[in-house]
Amino acid sequence: MPVKYLSPEWIDAYNTAVAGDDSVRTAMKGKNAVIQMVISEAPEGEIHYWMRIGDGTVSAGLGDADNAEVTIRQSYDTAAKVNSGELDGQKAFTQGKVKIGGKMLKMMQLRTPLAEVQKALNTIETEY
């Protein structure tokens, strides 16, 4: 059964998908970061969610992280296209559709590991 993108059910499915994925654990080994996501122009208004990476684990939750090192801002349309695989996240950034603030070096180091997270998220049946 599909879950609505960026809903509490989607966040639950996100956490389940990344927790059960060995390639995510391997890619995130030794990595630590807190990333704040800000999605504008969503049907419900602006949506905030965070991702916490902690030495092999990844978790997400709705709302604001109090200690985010990086903030990623994008429109709902862009976020949905990146999440569905219709648009590459790196390409969206170079096109100016994704704005990244904070520790850019940290984001550059996480680019490849975050691709493994995206692969895990692709297993979630998502309704946009």
N, C-alpha and C. Protein backbone atom coordinates (compact mmCIF):
# COMPACT_ATOMS: atom_id res chain seq x y z
N MET A 1 0.84 -1.18 0.00
CA MET A 1 0.00 0.00 0.00
C MET A 1 0.89 1.25 0.00
N PRO A 2 0.65 2.16 -0.95
CA PRO A 2 1.51 3.35 -1.01
C PRO A 2 1.34 4.27 0.20
N VAL A 3 2.43 4.96 0.54
CA VAL A 3 2.38 5.95 1.62
C VAL A 3 2.57 7.33 1.00
N LYS A 4 1.91 8.32 1.56
CA LYS A 4 1.99 9.69 1.05
C LYS A 4 3.37 10.28 1.37
N TYR A 5 4.00 10.82 0.34
CA TYR A 5 5.33 11.40 0.47
C TYR A 5 5.35 12.47 1.56
N LEU A 6 6.35 12.38 2.42
CA LEU A 6 6.62 13.31 3.52
C LEU A 6 5.60 13.23 4.66
N SER A 7 4.75 12.23 4.65
CA SER A 7 3.79 12.02 5.74
C SER A 7 4.48 11.29 6.89
N PRO A 8 3.85 11.26 8.08
CA PRO A 8 4.42 10.45 9.17
C PRO A 8 4.59 8.98 8.78
N GLU A 9 3.69 8.46 7.96
CA GLU A 9 3.81 7.07 7.51
C GLU A 9 5.01 6.89 6.58
N TRP A 10 5.28 7.90 5.77
CA TRP A 10 6.45 7.84 4.89
C TRP A 10 7.73 7.87 5.72
N ILE A 11 7.76 8.71 6.74
CA ILE A 11 8.93 8.76 7.63
C ILE A 11 9.14 7.40 8.30
N ASP A 12 8.05 6.75 8.74
CA ASP A 12 8.16 5.41 9.33
C ASP A 12 8.74 4.42 8.31
N ALA A 13 8.22 4.48 7.06
CA ALA A 13 8.71 3.59 6.01
C ALA A 13 10.18 3.89 5.69
N TYR A 14 10.54 5.16 5.71
CA TYR A 14 11.93 5.60 5.50
C TYR A 14 12.83 4.94 6.53
N ASN A 15 12.46 5.07 7.81
CA ASN A 15 13.28 4.50 8.88
C ASN A 15 13.38 2.99 8.77
N THR A 16 12.31 2.33 8.42
CA THR A 16 12.32 0.88 8.25
C THR A 16 13.23 0.49 7.08
N ALA A 17 13.11 1.22 5.97
CA ALA A 17 13.89 0.89 4.77
C ALA A 17 15.39 1.04 5.02
N VAL A 18 15.81 2.14 5.65
CA VAL A 18 17.25 2.34 5.85
C VAL A 18 17.81 1.44 6.95
N ALA A 19 16.99 1.15 7.96
CA ALA A 19 17.46 0.29 9.05
C ALA A 19 17.71 -1.14 8.58
N GLY A 20 16.96 -1.57 7.58
CA GLY A 20 17.08 -2.95 7.11
C GLY A 20 18.00 -3.13 5.93
N ASP A 21 18.75 -2.09 5.56
CA ASP A 21 19.57 -2.14 4.36
C ASP A 21 21.06 -2.21 4.72
N ASP A 22 21.67 -3.35 4.43
CA ASP A 22 23.10 -3.54 4.75
C ASP A 22 23.99 -2.56 4.00
N SER A 23 23.65 -2.21 2.76
CA SER A 23 24.50 -1.30 2.01
C SER A 23 24.46 0.11 2.60
N VAL A 24 23.33 0.51 3.21
CA VAL A 24 23.27 1.80 3.90
C VAL A 24 24.19 1.76 5.12
N ARG A 25 24.09 0.68 5.91
CA ARG A 25 24.95 0.55 7.10
C ARG A 25 26.42 0.60 6.72
N THR A 26 26.80 -0.11 5.67
CA THR A 26 28.19 -0.12 5.23
C THR A 26 28.63 1.26 4.75
N ALA A 27 27.80 1.92 3.95
CA ALA A 27 28.15 3.24 3.40
C ALA A 27 28.27 4.30 4.50
N MET A 28 27.48 4.15 5.56
CA MET A 28 27.47 5.16 6.62
C MET A 28 28.42 4.85 7.78
N LYS A 29 29.12 3.71 7.70
CA LYS A 29 30.08 3.35 8.76
C LYS A 29 31.11 4.47 8.92
N GLY A 30 31.28 4.94 10.15
CA GLY A 30 32.24 5.99 10.43
C GLY A 30 31.77 7.40 10.11
N LYS A 31 30.55 7.54 9.59
CA LYS A 31 30.02 8.86 9.23
C LYS A 31 29.07 9.34 10.32
N ASN A 32 29.08 10.65 10.56
CA ASN A 32 28.17 11.27 11.52
C ASN A 32 27.74 12.62 10.96
N ALA A 33 26.44 12.89 10.99
CA ALA A 33 25.94 14.17 10.50
C ALA A 33 24.48 14.32 10.90
N VAL A 34 24.05 15.58 10.96
CA VAL A 34 22.63 15.90 11.13
C VAL A 34 22.28 16.85 9.99
N ILE A 35 21.30 16.45 9.19
CA ILE A 35 20.89 17.22 8.02
C ILE A 35 19.43 17.63 8.18
N GLN A 36 19.17 18.91 7.99
CA GLN A 36 17.80 19.44 8.04
C GLN A 36 17.30 19.60 6.61
N MET A 37 16.13 19.08 6.34
CA MET A 37 15.50 19.22 5.02
C MET A 37 14.33 20.20 5.16
N VAL A 38 14.24 21.13 4.23
CA VAL A 38 13.14 22.09 4.19
C VAL A 38 12.52 22.00 2.79
N ILE A 39 11.27 21.56 2.75
CA ILE A 39 10.57 21.36 1.49
C ILE A 39 9.47 22.42 1.39
N SER A 40 9.62 23.33 0.43
CA SER A 40 8.64 24.40 0.25
C SER A 40 7.58 23.98 -0.78
N GLU A 41 6.48 24.68 -0.77
CA GLU A 41 5.41 24.51 -1.77
C GLU A 41 4.81 23.12 -1.77
N ALA A 42 4.84 22.43 -0.63
CA ALA A 42 4.18 21.12 -0.53
C ALA A 42 2.67 21.36 -0.44
N PRO A 43 1.86 20.37 -0.78
CA PRO A 43 0.41 20.55 -0.67
C PRO A 43 -0.05 21.00 0.72
N GLU A 44 0.68 20.56 1.77
CA GLU A 44 0.32 20.92 3.14
C GLU A 44 1.08 22.15 3.63
N GLY A 45 1.83 22.81 2.75
CA GLY A 45 2.66 23.94 3.15
C GLY A 45 4.10 23.50 3.28
N GLU A 46 4.91 24.31 3.94
CA GLU A 46 6.33 23.97 4.10
C GLU A 46 6.50 22.81 5.08
N ILE A 47 7.31 21.84 4.68
CA ILE A 47 7.54 20.65 5.51
C ILE A 47 9.02 20.61 5.89
N HIS A 48 9.26 20.35 7.17
CA HIS A 48 10.62 20.20 7.67
C HIS A 48 10.79 18.77 8.15
N TYR A 49 11.89 18.16 7.78
CA TYR A 49 12.27 16.87 8.38
C TYR A 49 13.78 16.80 8.47
N TRP A 50 14.26 15.95 9.33
CA TRP A 50 15.70 15.83 9.56
C TRP A 50 16.16 14.40 9.30
N MET A 51 17.45 14.30 9.05
CA MET A 51 18.11 13.00 8.90
C MET A 51 19.32 13.01 9.81
N ARG A 52 19.44 11.98 10.63
CA ARG A 52 20.57 11.85 11.54
C ARG A 52 21.36 10.61 11.13
N ILE A 53 22.66 10.82 10.89
CA ILE A 53 23.57 9.75 10.51
C ILE A 53 24.51 9.54 11.68
N GLY A 54 24.59 8.30 12.16
CA GLY A 54 25.44 8.01 13.31
C GLY A 54 26.17 6.69 13.17
N ASP A 55 27.38 6.73 12.61
CA ASP A 55 28.26 5.56 12.50
C ASP A 55 27.54 4.29 12.06
N GLY A 56 27.01 4.34 10.86
CA GLY A 56 26.37 3.15 10.30
C GLY A 56 24.86 3.16 10.37
N THR A 57 24.29 4.11 11.07
CA THR A 57 22.83 4.17 11.17
C THR A 57 22.32 5.46 10.56
N VAL A 58 21.09 5.40 10.09
CA VAL A 58 20.41 6.57 9.56
C VAL A 58 19.00 6.56 10.10
N SER A 59 18.55 7.72 10.58
CA SER A 59 17.15 7.84 11.00
C SER A 59 16.64 9.20 10.56
N ALA A 60 15.32 9.30 10.46
CA ALA A 60 14.68 10.55 10.03
C ALA A 60 13.47 10.81 10.89
N GLY A 61 13.07 12.08 10.94
CA GLY A 61 11.87 12.46 11.68
C GLY A 61 11.35 13.79 11.17
N LEU A 62 10.08 14.00 11.38
CA LEU A 62 9.48 15.28 10.99
C LEU A 62 9.86 16.35 11.99
N GLY A 63 9.94 17.60 11.53
CA GLY A 63 10.25 18.72 12.40
C GLY A 63 11.66 19.21 12.17
N ASP A 64 12.16 19.96 13.14
CA ASP A 64 13.49 20.57 13.03
C ASP A 64 14.48 19.90 13.96
N ALA A 65 15.69 19.69 13.45
CA ALA A 65 16.79 19.19 14.26
C ALA A 65 17.43 20.38 14.96
N ASP A 66 17.70 20.25 16.23
CA ASP A 66 18.28 21.37 16.98
C ASP A 66 19.76 21.58 16.69
N ASN A 67 20.42 20.62 16.09
CA ASN A 67 21.87 20.73 15.87
C ASN A 67 22.28 20.37 14.44
N ALA A 68 21.49 20.80 13.47
CA ALA A 68 21.78 20.48 12.07
C ALA A 68 23.07 21.14 11.62
N GLU A 69 23.88 20.35 10.92
CA GLU A 69 25.14 20.86 10.37
C GLU A 69 24.96 21.35 8.94
N VAL A 70 23.93 20.82 8.28
CA VAL A 70 23.65 21.15 6.89
C VAL A 70 22.14 21.33 6.75
N THR A 71 21.74 22.32 5.96
CA THR A 71 20.32 22.49 5.64
C THR A 71 20.16 22.42 4.13
N ILE A 72 19.24 21.58 3.70
CA ILE A 72 18.95 21.42 2.28
C ILE A 72 17.54 21.94 2.03
N ARG A 73 17.42 22.90 1.12
CA ARG A 73 16.14 23.52 0.78
C ARG A 73 15.80 23.23 -0.68
N GLN A 74 14.55 22.84 -0.89
CA GLN A 74 14.08 22.58 -2.25
C GLN A 74 12.57 22.63 -2.28
N SER A 75 12.02 22.75 -3.47
CA SER A 75 10.56 22.75 -3.61
C SER A 75 10.05 21.31 -3.52
N TYR A 76 8.78 21.19 -3.25
CA TYR A 76 8.14 19.88 -3.20
C TYR A 76 8.31 19.17 -4.55
N ASP A 77 8.11 19.90 -5.64
CA ASP A 77 8.22 19.31 -6.97
C ASP A 77 9.62 18.72 -7.18
N THR A 78 10.65 19.48 -6.83
CA THR A 78 12.02 18.98 -6.97
C THR A 78 12.27 17.78 -6.06
N ALA A 79 11.86 17.89 -4.80
CA ALA A 79 12.07 16.79 -3.84
C ALA A 79 11.38 15.52 -4.32
N ALA A 80 10.16 15.65 -4.82
CA ALA A 80 9.42 14.48 -5.29
C ALA A 80 10.11 13.86 -6.51
N LYS A 81 10.61 14.69 -7.41
CA LYS A 81 11.29 14.16 -8.60
C LYS A 81 12.60 13.47 -8.22
N VAL A 82 13.34 14.04 -7.26
CA VAL A 82 14.58 13.41 -6.80
C VAL A 82 14.25 12.09 -6.11
N ASN A 83 13.26 12.12 -5.21
CA ASN A 83 12.91 10.91 -4.46
C ASN A 83 12.42 9.79 -5.38
N SER A 84 11.69 10.14 -6.42
CA SER A 84 11.15 9.12 -7.33
C SER A 84 12.17 8.64 -8.35
N GLY A 85 13.34 9.31 -8.41
CA GLY A 85 14.36 8.92 -9.36
C GLY A 85 14.22 9.60 -10.71
N GLU A 86 13.25 10.49 -10.84
CA GLU A 86 13.03 11.20 -12.09
C GLU A 86 14.11 12.26 -12.34
N LEU A 87 14.71 12.76 -11.25
CA LEU A 87 15.74 13.80 -11.33
C LEU A 87 16.88 13.42 -10.39
N ASP A 88 18.11 13.49 -10.88
CA ASP A 88 19.28 13.22 -10.07
C ASP A 88 19.51 14.38 -9.10
N GLY A 89 19.75 14.07 -7.83
CA GLY A 89 19.94 15.09 -6.81
C GLY A 89 21.11 16.02 -7.10
N GLN A 90 22.21 15.48 -7.60
CA GLN A 90 23.38 16.29 -7.94
C GLN A 90 23.04 17.25 -9.07
N LYS A 91 22.30 16.76 -10.05
CA LYS A 91 21.89 17.60 -11.18
C LYS A 91 20.95 18.71 -10.71
N ALA A 92 20.04 18.36 -9.80
CA ALA A 92 19.12 19.37 -9.25
C ALA A 92 19.89 20.46 -8.53
N PHE A 93 20.96 20.09 -7.82
CA PHE A 93 21.80 21.06 -7.14
C PHE A 93 22.50 21.97 -8.14
N THR A 94 23.12 21.38 -9.17
CA THR A 94 23.85 22.20 -10.15
C THR A 94 22.91 23.09 -10.95
N GLN A 95 21.64 22.69 -11.07
CA GLN A 95 20.64 23.51 -11.77
C GLN A 95 20.06 24.60 -10.87
N GLY A 96 20.48 24.61 -9.60
CA GLY A 96 19.99 25.62 -8.67
C GLY A 96 18.63 25.31 -8.06
N LYS A 97 18.15 24.09 -8.26
CA LYS A 97 16.84 23.70 -7.71
C LYS A 97 16.94 23.25 -6.26
N VAL A 98 18.15 22.93 -5.82
CA VAL A 98 18.41 22.52 -4.45
C VAL A 98 19.45 23.47 -3.87
N LYS A 99 19.15 24.05 -2.73
CA LYS A 99 20.08 24.96 -2.05
C LYS A 99 20.60 24.27 -0.80
N ILE A 100 21.92 24.31 -0.63
CA ILE A 100 22.54 23.66 0.52
C ILE A 100 23.27 24.72 1.33
N GLY A 101 22.97 24.76 2.63
CA GLY A 101 23.65 25.69 3.54
C GLY A 101 24.34 24.91 4.64
N GLY A 102 25.37 25.52 5.20
CA GLY A 102 26.09 24.86 6.29
C GLY A 102 27.40 24.28 5.81
N LYS A 103 27.74 23.13 6.34
CA LYS A 103 29.04 22.50 6.08
C LYS A 103 29.05 21.78 4.73
N MET A 104 29.49 22.50 3.70
CA MET A 104 29.50 21.93 2.35
C MET A 104 30.48 20.75 2.23
N LEU A 105 31.60 20.81 2.93
CA LEU A 105 32.56 19.71 2.87
C LEU A 105 31.91 18.42 3.38
N LYS A 106 31.14 18.53 4.45
CA LYS A 106 30.45 17.36 4.99
C LYS A 106 29.50 16.78 3.94
N MET A 107 28.76 17.65 3.24
CA MET A 107 27.83 17.17 2.20
C MET A 107 28.58 16.48 1.07
N MET A 108 29.72 17.02 0.70
CA MET A 108 30.51 16.41 -0.37
C MET A 108 30.98 15.02 0.06
N GLN A 109 31.36 14.87 1.32
CA GLN A 109 31.81 13.56 1.83
C GLN A 109 30.66 12.57 1.89
N LEU A 110 29.43 13.06 2.03
CA LEU A 110 28.27 12.19 2.18
C LEU A 110 27.57 11.88 0.85
N ARG A 111 28.03 12.48 -0.22
CA ARG A 111 27.34 12.32 -1.50
C ARG A 111 27.17 10.85 -1.89
N THR A 112 28.24 10.07 -1.86
CA THR A 112 28.15 8.66 -2.23
C THR A 112 27.34 7.85 -1.21
N PRO A 113 27.58 8.02 0.10
CA PRO A 113 26.76 7.28 1.07
C PRO A 113 25.27 7.63 0.98
N LEU A 114 24.95 8.89 0.69
CA LEU A 114 23.54 9.27 0.58
C LEU A 114 22.87 8.64 -0.63
N ALA A 115 23.66 8.29 -1.64
CA ALA A 115 23.10 7.58 -2.79
C ALA A 115 22.57 6.21 -2.37
N GLU A 116 23.23 5.58 -1.38
CA GLU A 116 22.74 4.30 -0.85
C GLU A 116 21.43 4.48 -0.09
N VAL A 117 21.31 5.60 0.62
CA VAL A 117 20.05 5.90 1.31
C VAL A 117 18.94 6.05 0.27
N GLN A 118 19.23 6.76 -0.82
CA GLN A 118 18.22 6.97 -1.86
C GLN A 118 17.78 5.63 -2.47
N LYS A 119 18.72 4.72 -2.67
CA LYS A 119 18.36 3.40 -3.20
C LYS A 119 17.40 2.69 -2.25
N ALA A 120 17.66 2.80 -0.96
CA ALA A 120 16.76 2.18 0.03
C ALA A 120 15.39 2.84 -0.02
N LEU A 121 15.36 4.15 -0.18
CA LEU A 121 14.07 4.87 -0.24
C LEU A 121 13.28 4.51 -1.48
N ASN A 122 13.99 4.13 -2.54
CA ASN A 122 13.31 3.73 -3.78
C ASN A 122 12.46 2.47 -3.60
N THR A 123 12.68 1.74 -2.51
CA THR A 123 11.88 0.53 -2.25
C THR A 123 10.54 0.86 -1.60
N ILE A 124 10.33 2.12 -1.21
CA ILE A 124 9.08 2.53 -0.58
C ILE A 124 8.06 2.87 -1.67
N GLU A 125 6.92 2.24 -1.61
CA GLU A 125 5.85 2.56 -2.55
C GLU A 125 5.25 3.90 -2.12
N THR A 126 5.55 4.95 -2.88
CA THR A 126 5.24 6.31 -2.48
C THR A 126 4.21 6.95 -3.40
N GLU A 127 3.28 7.65 -2.79
CA GLU A 127 2.26 8.41 -3.52
C GLU A 127 2.61 9.89 -3.41
N TYR A 128 2.69 10.58 -4.55
CA TYR A 128 3.07 11.99 -4.56
C TYR A 128 1.86 12.88 -4.77
